[in-house]
């Protein structure tokens, strides 16, 4: 299986496929899987992103593979860890679940991760979806902080 992977991978990648594009480094930070889906290539103004093992990479330099119409386009905007480990294009395998993978599959996934680390910039990390109470608490803490700052400035100004 590993030999098959190496042969198939060699058919899709060559040194000429990865021509660096000079642009400002991108760092998007933490995002949920839902937020990542917006970077699937459907909006040409956004970078093309993909995740492996929860790490988000900017694959915009390889639009021929990951962009619309590319052979790996279904992985864009997603964590494709399981599909890459299984060498699968099945929609149900395009996720970050590593449970039940064999040692050989985990080795294949590790090889993919090394390729991505070498060729693409890591721009963020996947995080679990926030619950409604977490979102509300975050909004309240921002409101409390800004309100407190406003009150302090009013007292300092003698109002």
C-alpha atoms as a PDB file:
ATOM      1  CA  UNK A   1       0.000   0.000   0.000  1.00  0.00           C
ATOM      2  CA  UNK A   2       2.850   2.383   0.828  1.00  0.00           C
ATOM      3  CA  UNK A   3       4.550   1.618  -2.498  1.00  0.00           C
ATOM      4  CA  UNK A   4       1.295   2.335  -4.344  1.00  0.00           C
ATOM      5  CA  UNK A   5       1.020   5.633  -2.488  1.00  0.00           C
ATOM      6  CA  UNK A   6       4.558   6.657  -3.466  1.00  0.00           C
ATOM      7  CA  UNK A   7       3.917   5.834  -7.124  1.00  0.00           C
ATOM      8  CA  UNK A   8       0.562   7.645  -7.216  1.00  0.00           C
ATOM      9  CA  UNK A   9       1.968  10.644  -5.361  1.00  0.00           C
ATOM     10  CA  UNK A  10       4.876  10.826  -7.824  1.00  0.00           C
ATOM     11  CA  UNK A  11       2.401  11.067 -10.694  1.00  0.00           C
ATOM     12  CA  UNK A  12       0.833  14.216  -9.221  1.00  0.00           C
ATOM     13  CA  UNK A  13       3.809  16.057  -7.760  1.00  0.00           C
ATOM     14  CA  UNK A  14       7.040  17.238  -9.317  1.00  0.00           C
ATOM     15  CA  UNK A  15       9.464  19.979  -8.385  1.00  0.00           C
ATOM     16  CA  UNK A  16       8.080  22.177 -11.173  1.00  0.00           C
ATOM     17  CA  UNK A  17       4.556  22.016  -9.727  1.00  0.00           C
ATOM     18  CA  UNK A  18       5.454  24.192  -6.786  1.00  0.00           C
ATOM     19  CA  UNK A  19       6.495  27.589  -8.033  1.00  0.00           C
ATOM     20  CA  UNK A  20       6.594  29.973  -5.094  1.00  0.00           C
ATOM     21  CA  UNK A  21       4.373  33.023  -5.312  1.00  0.00           C
ATOM     22  CA  UNK A  22       5.723  36.049  -3.498  1.00  0.00           C
ATOM     23  CA  UNK A  23       3.128  37.559  -1.200  1.00  0.00           C
ATOM     24  CA  UNK A  24       2.633  38.609   2.371  1.00  0.00           C
ATOM     25  CA  UNK A  25       2.695  35.748   4.874  1.00  0.00           C
ATOM     26  CA  UNK A  26      -0.803  34.777   5.895  1.00  0.00           C
ATOM     27  CA  UNK A  27      -1.801  33.865   9.428  1.00  0.00           C
ATOM     28  CA  UNK A  28      -5.450  33.205  10.106  1.00  0.00           C
ATOM     29  CA  UNK A  29      -5.082  31.602  13.535  1.00  0.00           C
ATOM     30  CA  UNK A  30      -7.692  29.341  15.059  1.00  0.00           C
ATOM     31  CA  UNK A  31     -10.801  28.484  13.082  1.00  0.00           C
ATOM     32  CA  UNK A  32     -13.546  25.912  13.171  1.00  0.00           C
ATOM     33  CA  UNK A  33     -14.194  23.367  10.418  1.00  0.00           C
ATOM     34  CA  UNK A  34     -17.231  25.422   9.429  1.00  0.00           C
ATOM     35  CA  UNK A  35     -15.084  28.548   9.039  1.00  0.00           C
ATOM     36  CA  UNK A  36     -12.474  26.589   7.058  1.00  0.00           C
ATOM     37  CA  UNK A  37     -15.083  25.587   4.447  1.00  0.00           C
ATOM     38  CA  UNK A  38     -15.211  29.195   3.234  1.00  0.00           C
ATOM     39  CA  UNK A  39     -11.665  28.723   1.874  1.00  0.00           C
ATOM     40  CA  UNK A  40     -12.528  25.970  -0.627  1.00  0.00           C
ATOM     41  CA  UNK A  41     -11.719  27.933  -3.781  1.00  0.00           C
ATOM     42  CA  UNK A  42     -15.245  29.120  -4.504  1.00  0.00           C
ATOM     43  CA  UNK A  43     -14.216  32.718  -3.684  1.00  0.00           C
ATOM     44  CA  UNK A  44     -11.177  33.757  -5.741  1.00  0.00           C
ATOM     45  CA  UNK A  45     -10.492  36.607  -3.285  1.00  0.00           C
ATOM     46  CA  UNK A  46      -9.773  34.158  -0.454  1.00  0.00           C
ATOM     47  CA  UNK A  47      -6.760  31.888  -0.130  1.00  0.00           C
ATOM     48  CA  UNK A  48      -7.180  28.188  -0.797  1.00  0.00           C
ATOM     49  CA  UNK A  49      -6.830  26.316   2.507  1.00  0.00           C
ATOM     50  CA  UNK A  50      -6.754  22.698   3.606  1.00  0.00           C
ATOM     51  CA  UNK A  51      -6.053  20.960   6.909  1.00  0.00           C
ATOM     52  CA  UNK A  52      -4.097  17.870   7.850  1.00  0.00           C
ATOM     53  CA  UNK A  53      -4.232  16.633  11.438  1.00  0.00           C
ATOM     54  CA  UNK A  54      -5.859  19.884  12.483  1.00  0.00           C
ATOM     55  CA  UNK A  55      -3.140  22.108  11.012  1.00  0.00           C
ATOM     56  CA  UNK A  56      -4.355  24.504   8.332  1.00  0.00           C
ATOM     57  CA  UNK A  57      -2.159  25.090   5.283  1.00  0.00           C
ATOM     58  CA  UNK A  58      -2.373  27.670   2.501  1.00  0.00           C
ATOM     59  CA  UNK A  59      -2.341  25.570  -0.692  1.00  0.00           C
ATOM     60  CA  UNK A  60      -3.054  28.521  -2.991  1.00  0.00           C
ATOM     61  CA  UNK A  61       0.223  27.934  -4.858  1.00  0.00           C
ATOM     62  CA  UNK A  62      -1.147  24.576  -6.055  1.00  0.00           C
ATOM     63  CA  UNK A  63      -4.504  25.649  -7.423  1.00  0.00           C
ATOM     64  CA  UNK A  64      -4.051  23.154 -10.258  1.00  0.00           C
ATOM     65  CA  UNK A  65      -4.506  20.405  -7.652  1.00  0.00           C
ATOM     66  CA  UNK A  66      -6.669  21.923  -4.905  1.00  0.00           C
ATOM     67  CA  UNK A  67      -8.590  24.619  -6.770  1.00  0.00           C
ATOM     68  CA  UNK A  68     -11.898  24.173  -8.588  1.00  0.00           C
ATOM     69  CA  UNK A  69     -11.554  21.413 -11.169  1.00  0.00           C
ATOM     70  CA  UNK A  70      -8.304  20.123  -9.648  1.00  0.00           C
ATOM     71  CA  UNK A  71      -7.737  16.457  -8.865  1.00  0.00           C
ATOM     72  CA  UNK A  72      -7.783  17.175  -5.098  1.00  0.00           C
ATOM     73  CA  UNK A  73     -10.370  19.989  -5.139  1.00  0.00           C
ATOM     74  CA  UNK A  74     -12.693  18.057  -2.838  1.00  0.00           C
ATOM     75  CA  UNK A  75     -10.090  18.419  -0.045  1.00  0.00           C
ATOM     76  CA  UNK A  76      -9.986  22.245  -0.177  1.00  0.00           C
ATOM     77  CA  UNK A  77     -11.650  23.929   2.776  1.00  0.00           C
ATOM     78  CA  UNK A  78     -11.636  20.669   4.738  1.00  0.00           C
ATOM     79  CA  UNK A  79      -9.508  18.552   7.057  1.00  0.00           C
ATOM     80  CA  UNK A  80      -8.635  15.714   4.680  1.00  0.00           C
ATOM     81  CA  UNK A  81      -6.540  13.641   7.100  1.00  0.00           C
ATOM     82  CA  UNK A  82      -8.558  10.426   6.920  1.00  0.00           C
ATOM     83  CA  UNK A  83      -8.939  10.541   3.129  1.00  0.00           C
ATOM     84  CA  UNK A  84      -5.217  11.142   2.628  1.00  0.00           C
ATOM     85  CA  UNK A  85      -4.290   8.330   5.016  1.00  0.00           C
ATOM     86  CA  UNK A  86      -6.615   5.928   3.207  1.00  0.00           C
ATOM     87  CA  UNK A  87      -5.786   7.263  -0.267  1.00  0.00           C
ATOM     88  CA  UNK A  88      -9.510   7.771  -0.657  1.00  0.00           C
ATOM     89  CA  UNK A  89     -11.638  10.225  -2.577  1.00  0.00           C
ATOM     90  CA  UNK A  90     -14.880   9.106  -0.925  1.00  0.00           C
ATOM     91  CA  UNK A  91     -16.781  12.086   0.514  1.00  0.00           C
ATOM     92  CA  UNK A  92     -17.401  10.223   3.786  1.00  0.00           C
ATOM     93  CA  UNK A  93     -13.620   9.880   4.293  1.00  0.00           C
ATOM     94  CA  UNK A  94     -12.869  13.598   3.941  1.00  0.00           C
ATOM     95  CA  UNK A  95     -12.606  14.450   7.619  1.00  0.00           C
ATOM     96  CA  UNK A  96     -10.101  14.665  10.448  1.00  0.00           C
ATOM     97  CA  UNK A  97     -11.097  11.442  12.242  1.00  0.00           C
ATOM     98  CA  UNK A  98      -8.019   9.239  12.714  1.00  0.00           C
ATOM     99  CA  UNK A  99      -9.736   6.507  14.722  1.00  0.00           C
ATOM    100  CA  UNK A 100      -9.292   2.990  13.401  1.00  0.00           C
ATOM    101  CA  UNK A 101      -6.508   3.827  10.951  1.00  0.00           C
ATOM    102  CA  UNK A 102      -3.783   1.204  10.590  1.00  0.00           C
ATOM    103  CA  UNK A 103      -0.110   1.886  11.263  1.00  0.00           C
ATOM    104  CA  UNK A 104       0.532   1.873   7.505  1.00  0.00           C
ATOM    105  CA  UNK A 105      -2.222   4.435   6.951  1.00  0.00           C
ATOM    106  CA  UNK A 106      -0.877   6.642   9.737  1.00  0.00           C
ATOM    107  CA  UNK A 107       2.559   6.429   8.102  1.00  0.00           C
ATOM    108  CA  UNK A 108       1.058   7.548   4.784  1.00  0.00           C
ATOM    109  CA  UNK A 109      -0.664  10.441   6.553  1.00  0.00           C
ATOM    110  CA  UNK A 110       2.605  11.420   8.237  1.00  0.00           C
ATOM    111  CA  UNK A 111       4.278  11.471   4.826  1.00  0.00           C
ATOM    112  CA  UNK A 112       1.531  13.782   3.510  1.00  0.00           C
ATOM    113  CA  UNK A 113       1.980  16.034   6.529  1.00  0.00           C
ATOM    114  CA  UNK A 114       5.736  16.278   5.919  1.00  0.00           C
ATOM    115  CA  UNK A 115       5.074  17.197   2.265  1.00  0.00           C
ATOM    116  CA  UNK A 116       2.683  19.942   3.344  1.00  0.00           C
ATOM    117  CA  UNK A 117       5.082  21.250   5.981  1.00  0.00           C
ATOM    118  CA  UNK A 118       7.807  21.517   3.318  1.00  0.00           C
ATOM    119  CA  UNK A 119       5.707  23.063   0.556  1.00  0.00           C
ATOM    120  CA  UNK A 120       3.015  25.174   2.207  1.00  0.00           C
ATOM    121  CA  UNK A 121       2.760  27.715   5.007  1.00  0.00           C
ATOM    122  CA  UNK A 122       0.795  26.695   8.069  1.00  0.00           C
ATOM    123  CA  UNK A 123      -1.681  29.522   8.578  1.00  0.00           C
ATOM    124  CA  UNK A 124      -3.805  28.276  11.447  1.00  0.00           C
ATOM    125  CA  UNK A 125      -5.174  25.479  13.563  1.00  0.00           C
ATOM    126  CA  UNK A 126      -8.593  23.834  13.647  1.00  0.00           C
ATOM    127  CA  UNK A 127     -10.478  24.239  16.902  1.00  0.00           C
ATOM    128  CA  UNK A 128     -13.749  22.690  18.067  1.00  0.00           C
ATOM    129  CA  UNK A 129     -16.939  24.529  17.212  1.00  0.00           C
ATOM    130  CA  UNK A 130     -17.879  27.056  19.860  1.00  0.00           C
ATOM    131  CA  UNK A 131     -21.081  26.433  21.732  1.00  0.00           C
ATOM    132  CA  UNK A 132     -23.717  29.203  21.935  1.00  0.00           C
ATOM    133  CA  UNK A 133     -22.805  29.817  25.592  1.00  0.00           C
ATOM    134  CA  UNK A 134     -19.118  30.279  24.697  1.00  0.00           C
ATOM    135  CA  UNK A 135     -20.044  32.790  21.980  1.00  0.00           C
ATOM    136  CA  UNK A 136     -22.311  34.681  24.399  1.00  0.00           C
ATOM    137  CA  UNK A 137     -19.642  34.724  27.129  1.00  0.00           C
ATOM    138  CA  UNK A 138     -17.074  36.029  24.637  1.00  0.00           C
ATOM    139  CA  UNK A 139     -19.438  38.792  23.484  1.00  0.00           C
ATOM    140  CA  UNK A 140     -20.247  39.742  27.093  1.00  0.00           C
ATOM    141  CA  UNK A 141     -16.587  39.901  28.101  1.00  0.00           C
ATOM    142  CA  UNK A 142     -15.826  42.244  25.178  1.00  0.00           C
ATOM    143  CA  UNK A 143     -18.849  44.397  26.083  1.00  0.00           C
ATOM    144  CA  UNK A 144     -17.868  44.473  29.783  1.00  0.00           C
ATOM    145  CA  UNK A 145     -14.288  45.395  28.956  1.00  0.00           C
ATOM    146  CA  UNK A 146     -15.269  48.209  26.591  1.00  0.00           C
ATOM    147  CA  UNK A 147     -17.928  49.462  29.002  1.00  0.00           C
ATOM    148  CA  UNK A 148     -15.469  49.482  31.883  1.00  0.00           C
ATOM    149  CA  UNK A 149     -12.930  51.373  29.774  1.00  0.00           C
ATOM    150  CA  UNK A 150     -15.593  53.923  28.809  1.00  0.00           C
ATOM    151  CA  UNK A 151     -16.580  54.443  32.437  1.00  0.00           C
ATOM    152  CA  UNK A 152     -12.933  54.861  33.501  1.00  0.00           C
ATOM    153  CA  UNK A 153     -12.326  57.464  30.806  1.00  0.00           C
ATOM    154  CA  UNK A 154     -15.474  59.377  31.813  1.00  0.00           C
ATOM    155  CA  UNK A 155     -14.356  59.456  35.462  1.00  0.00           C
ATOM    156  CA  UNK A 156     -10.854  60.508  34.411  1.00  0.00           C
ATOM    157  CA  UNK A 157     -12.347  63.339  32.333  1.00  0.00           C
ATOM    158  CA  UNK A 158     -14.415  64.496  35.329  1.00  0.00           C
ATOM    159  CA  UNK A 159     -17.854  63.673  33.944  1.00  0.00           C
END
